[in-house]
Protein backbone atom coordinates (compact mmCIF):
# COMPACT_ATOMS: atom_id res chain seq x y z
CA MET A 1 53.86 -82.69 30.00
CA GLY A 2 56.07 -82.13 26.98
CA THR A 3 59.50 -83.72 26.72
CA GLY A 4 63.09 -82.69 27.05
CA ILE A 5 65.83 -84.08 24.85
CA ASP A 6 65.96 -87.33 26.79
CA GLY A 7 66.09 -89.66 23.82
CA PRO A 8 65.11 -90.01 20.18
CA ALA A 9 61.58 -88.94 19.25
CA PRO A 10 59.24 -91.95 18.93
CA GLY A 11 58.87 -92.82 15.28
CA GLY A 12 61.25 -89.95 14.51
CA THR A 13 58.25 -87.66 15.00
CA ALA A 14 57.97 -84.11 16.34
CA LEU A 15 54.76 -82.08 16.62
CA LEU A 16 55.13 -78.46 15.42
CA ILE A 17 52.56 -75.86 16.46
CA ILE A 18 52.92 -72.85 14.18
CA ASP A 19 51.89 -69.27 15.07
CA MET A 20 49.11 -70.23 17.49
CA ILE A 21 50.43 -67.76 20.09
CA THR A 22 48.79 -64.77 18.47
CA ASP A 23 46.88 -61.63 19.42
CA LEU A 24 44.57 -62.11 16.39
CA GLU A 25 45.10 -58.47 15.53
CA PHE A 26 46.12 -58.51 11.88
CA ASP A 27 44.44 -58.36 8.48
CA GLY A 28 42.24 -61.40 8.01
CA ALA A 29 42.22 -62.35 11.71
CA GLU A 30 38.48 -61.93 12.15
CA GLU A 31 37.80 -64.17 9.16
CA MET A 32 40.17 -66.75 10.65
CA ARG A 33 38.85 -66.69 14.22
CA GLU A 34 36.31 -69.54 14.06
CA ALA A 35 38.60 -71.87 12.09
CA ALA A 36 41.55 -71.05 14.37
CA HIS A 37 39.55 -71.92 17.50
CA HIS A 38 38.47 -75.22 15.95
CA ALA A 39 42.07 -75.97 14.97
CA ALA A 40 43.25 -75.10 18.49
CA ASP A 41 40.88 -77.65 19.99
CA ARG A 42 42.18 -80.38 17.68
CA ILE A 43 45.81 -79.36 18.25
CA ALA A 44 45.28 -79.48 22.02
CA TRP A 45 43.86 -82.99 21.66
CA LEU A 46 46.76 -84.05 19.41
CA ARG A 47 49.24 -82.51 21.85
CA GLY A 48 47.76 -84.72 24.56
CA GLU A 49 48.31 -87.75 22.34
CA ALA A 50 51.89 -86.59 21.70
CA ASP A 51 52.50 -86.27 25.44
CA ALA A 52 51.25 -89.82 26.02
CA ALA A 53 53.47 -91.17 23.24
CA GLY A 54 56.56 -89.18 24.27
CA VAL A 55 56.54 -87.16 21.04
CA PRO A 56 58.26 -83.76 21.49
CA VAL A 57 56.13 -80.63 21.06
CA VAL A 58 57.73 -77.62 19.38
CA TYR A 59 56.03 -74.24 19.19
CA VAL A 60 57.27 -72.26 16.19
CA ASN A 61 56.01 -68.73 16.48
CA ASP A 62 56.28 -65.46 14.63
CA ASN A 63 57.81 -62.56 16.55
CA ARG A 64 55.09 -60.26 15.13
CA GLY A 65 57.71 -57.58 14.56
CA GLN A 66 58.73 -57.56 18.24
CA TRP A 67 62.44 -57.94 17.67
CA HIS A 68 63.36 -57.74 21.36
CA SER A 69 60.77 -60.29 22.34
CA GLU A 70 61.09 -63.82 23.69
CA ARG A 71 58.76 -66.65 24.67
CA SER A 72 57.26 -65.22 27.86
CA ARG A 73 56.68 -61.77 26.38
CA LEU A 74 54.95 -63.18 23.29
CA ILE A 75 52.65 -65.28 25.47
CA GLU A 76 51.98 -62.40 27.87
CA HIS A 77 51.09 -60.08 24.98
CA ALA A 78 48.72 -62.60 23.39
CA MET A 79 47.11 -63.40 26.77
CA ARG A 80 46.68 -59.81 27.95
CA GLU A 81 43.34 -58.78 29.43
CA GLY A 82 40.94 -57.79 26.66
CA GLY A 83 43.23 -59.07 23.91
CA SER A 84 41.55 -60.58 20.85
CA GLY A 85 43.65 -63.75 20.99
CA ARG A 86 43.28 -64.42 24.72
CA ASP A 87 40.68 -67.21 24.47
CA LEU A 88 42.53 -68.86 21.59
CA VAL A 89 45.87 -68.93 23.38
CA ARG A 90 44.28 -70.24 26.58
CA ARG A 91 43.33 -73.39 24.66
CA ILE A 92 46.86 -74.08 23.46
CA GLU A 93 49.22 -72.22 25.80
CA PRO A 94 52.75 -73.71 25.85
CA ARG A 95 53.81 -75.67 28.89
CA LYS A 96 57.11 -75.34 30.72
CA ASP A 97 58.78 -78.28 28.96
CA ASP A 98 57.57 -77.56 25.43
CA PHE A 99 60.20 -76.30 23.00
CA PHE A 100 59.66 -72.79 21.68
CA VAL A 101 61.27 -71.39 18.52
CA ILE A 102 60.77 -67.77 17.48
CA LYS A 103 60.82 -67.09 13.75
CA PRO A 104 61.25 -63.76 11.94
CA GLN A 105 59.61 -64.78 8.66
CA PHE A 106 57.02 -67.16 7.24
CA SER A 107 59.00 -70.40 7.39
CA GLY A 108 59.86 -72.01 10.69
CA PHE A 109 63.26 -72.92 9.24
CA TYR A 110 64.33 -69.44 8.10
CA SER A 111 66.91 -67.88 10.47
CA THR A 112 65.82 -70.01 13.43
CA ASN A 113 67.36 -72.80 15.49
CA LEU A 114 64.77 -75.31 14.25
CA PRO A 115 67.26 -76.93 11.82
CA VAL A 116 69.54 -77.53 14.82
CA LEU A 117 66.84 -78.62 17.27
CA LEU A 118 65.12 -81.25 15.11
CA PRO A 119 68.25 -83.40 14.61
CA LYS A 120 68.88 -83.18 18.38
CA LEU A 121 65.43 -84.73 18.79
CA SER A 122 66.26 -87.34 16.11
CA ALA A 123 63.16 -86.08 14.29
CA THR A 124 62.85 -87.06 10.65
CA ARG A 125 59.06 -86.86 10.45
CA LEU A 126 57.04 -83.76 11.28
CA ILE A 127 53.41 -83.08 12.12
CA LEU A 128 52.64 -79.49 11.11
CA THR A 129 49.70 -77.67 12.70
CA GLY A 130 48.64 -74.05 13.15
CA VAL A 131 48.03 -70.88 11.14
CA SER A 132 47.97 -69.64 8.50
CA ALA A 133 47.62 -72.74 6.35
CA ASP A 134 48.35 -70.93 3.09
CA ILE A 135 51.28 -68.88 4.38
CA CYS A 136 53.37 -69.94 7.40
CA VAL A 137 52.31 -73.59 7.48
CA LEU A 138 52.82 -73.87 3.72
CA PHE A 139 56.24 -72.18 3.75
CA THR A 140 57.38 -74.32 6.69
CA ALA A 141 56.18 -77.44 4.89
CA ALA A 142 58.10 -76.46 1.74
CA ASP A 143 61.33 -75.98 3.67
CA ALA A 144 60.76 -79.25 5.56
CA HIS A 145 60.13 -81.08 2.29
CA MET A 146 63.36 -79.73 0.80
CA ARG A 147 65.16 -81.10 3.88
CA GLU A 148 63.53 -84.50 3.25
CA TYR A 149 61.27 -84.62 6.29
CA ASP A 150 58.17 -86.81 6.04
CA LEU A 151 55.10 -84.66 6.67
CA TRP A 152 51.67 -85.01 8.16
CA VAL A 153 49.54 -81.84 8.02
CA PRO A 154 46.22 -82.86 9.59
CA SER A 155 43.53 -80.88 7.81
CA ASP A 156 41.57 -80.26 11.03
CA THR A 157 44.57 -78.71 12.82
CA VAL A 158 45.30 -75.88 10.37
CA ALA A 159 43.36 -72.71 9.68
CA GLY A 160 43.41 -69.63 7.50
CA SER A 161 41.32 -66.58 6.74
CA ASP A 162 39.90 -68.14 3.55
CA ARG A 163 38.65 -71.73 3.41
CA GLN A 164 39.34 -72.06 -0.29
CA ARG A 165 42.95 -70.97 0.14
CA THR A 166 43.32 -73.40 3.05
CA ARG A 167 42.09 -76.24 0.82
CA TRP A 168 44.44 -75.05 -1.93
CA ALA A 169 47.39 -75.05 0.48
CA LEU A 170 46.57 -78.56 1.69
CA GLU A 171 46.36 -79.78 -1.91
CA ILE A 172 49.79 -78.31 -2.69
CA MET A 173 51.32 -79.92 0.38
CA GLU A 174 49.75 -83.27 -0.46
CA GLN A 175 50.51 -83.28 -4.17
CA SER A 176 53.83 -81.43 -4.37
CA MET A 177 55.37 -82.30 -0.99
CA HIS A 178 53.91 -85.80 -0.55
CA ALA A 179 52.39 -84.74 2.76
CA GLU A 180 49.74 -86.78 4.50
CA THR A 181 46.76 -84.47 5.09
CA ARG A 182 44.16 -86.74 6.67
CA ALA A 183 42.43 -85.27 9.72
CA THR A 184 43.21 -86.46 13.24
CA THR A 185 39.83 -88.21 13.19
CA ASP A 186 40.95 -90.32 10.20
CA LEU A 187 44.58 -91.03 11.12
CA SER A 188 45.86 -91.62 14.63
CA LEU A 189 49.21 -90.52 15.97
CA ALA A 190 49.92 -94.16 16.85
CA ASP A 191 49.36 -95.18 13.22
CA TRP A 192 51.57 -92.32 12.00
CA ILE A 193 54.36 -93.42 14.35
CA ALA A 194 53.92 -97.03 13.26
CA ARG A 195 54.48 -96.03 9.64
CA SER A 196 58.10 -95.20 10.47
CA GLU A 197 58.69 -98.87 11.23
CA GLN A 198 57.35 -100.06 7.89
CA PRO A 199 59.89 -100.97 5.17
């Protein structure tokens, strides 16, 4: 499960899972819950496809203001007994060999080691998934676009507290960042990887 840095990412692709390790205890969380659970199911399926293809999986997660925190503490907090995010995180809990990047702000690139990690993986093409579509996914996509990464943001793997704003965010990523936004049911990971080989 997952991959280490054993060789270049197939098709130059890395799968990013953004802010899915969450306690769902913030403004708008209740409105997001159903969409987030649906997205988690599709991300888990896509993660399985990534494992089979040898595509590295990178969790990029907000520290939720816990400045002394690290991976295990964030997961433990989100998975605590009675926590609102427990069922969600169970669906998509990181595995031992998955990469895990903690971010202090909206973008996964801001003040994190992601800009160092991705070149180590030989990743030039990113699949962005997670929450919230109109904030952290959007800001990460903008920073990735400025760094000239090719982007796929599958519409069924992102969620937000407002469906209209999620659609708006996907439109911006598609139109302004040239991102592919087809759902995982309409575009396969194998086809996305194969695109990297096309002239």
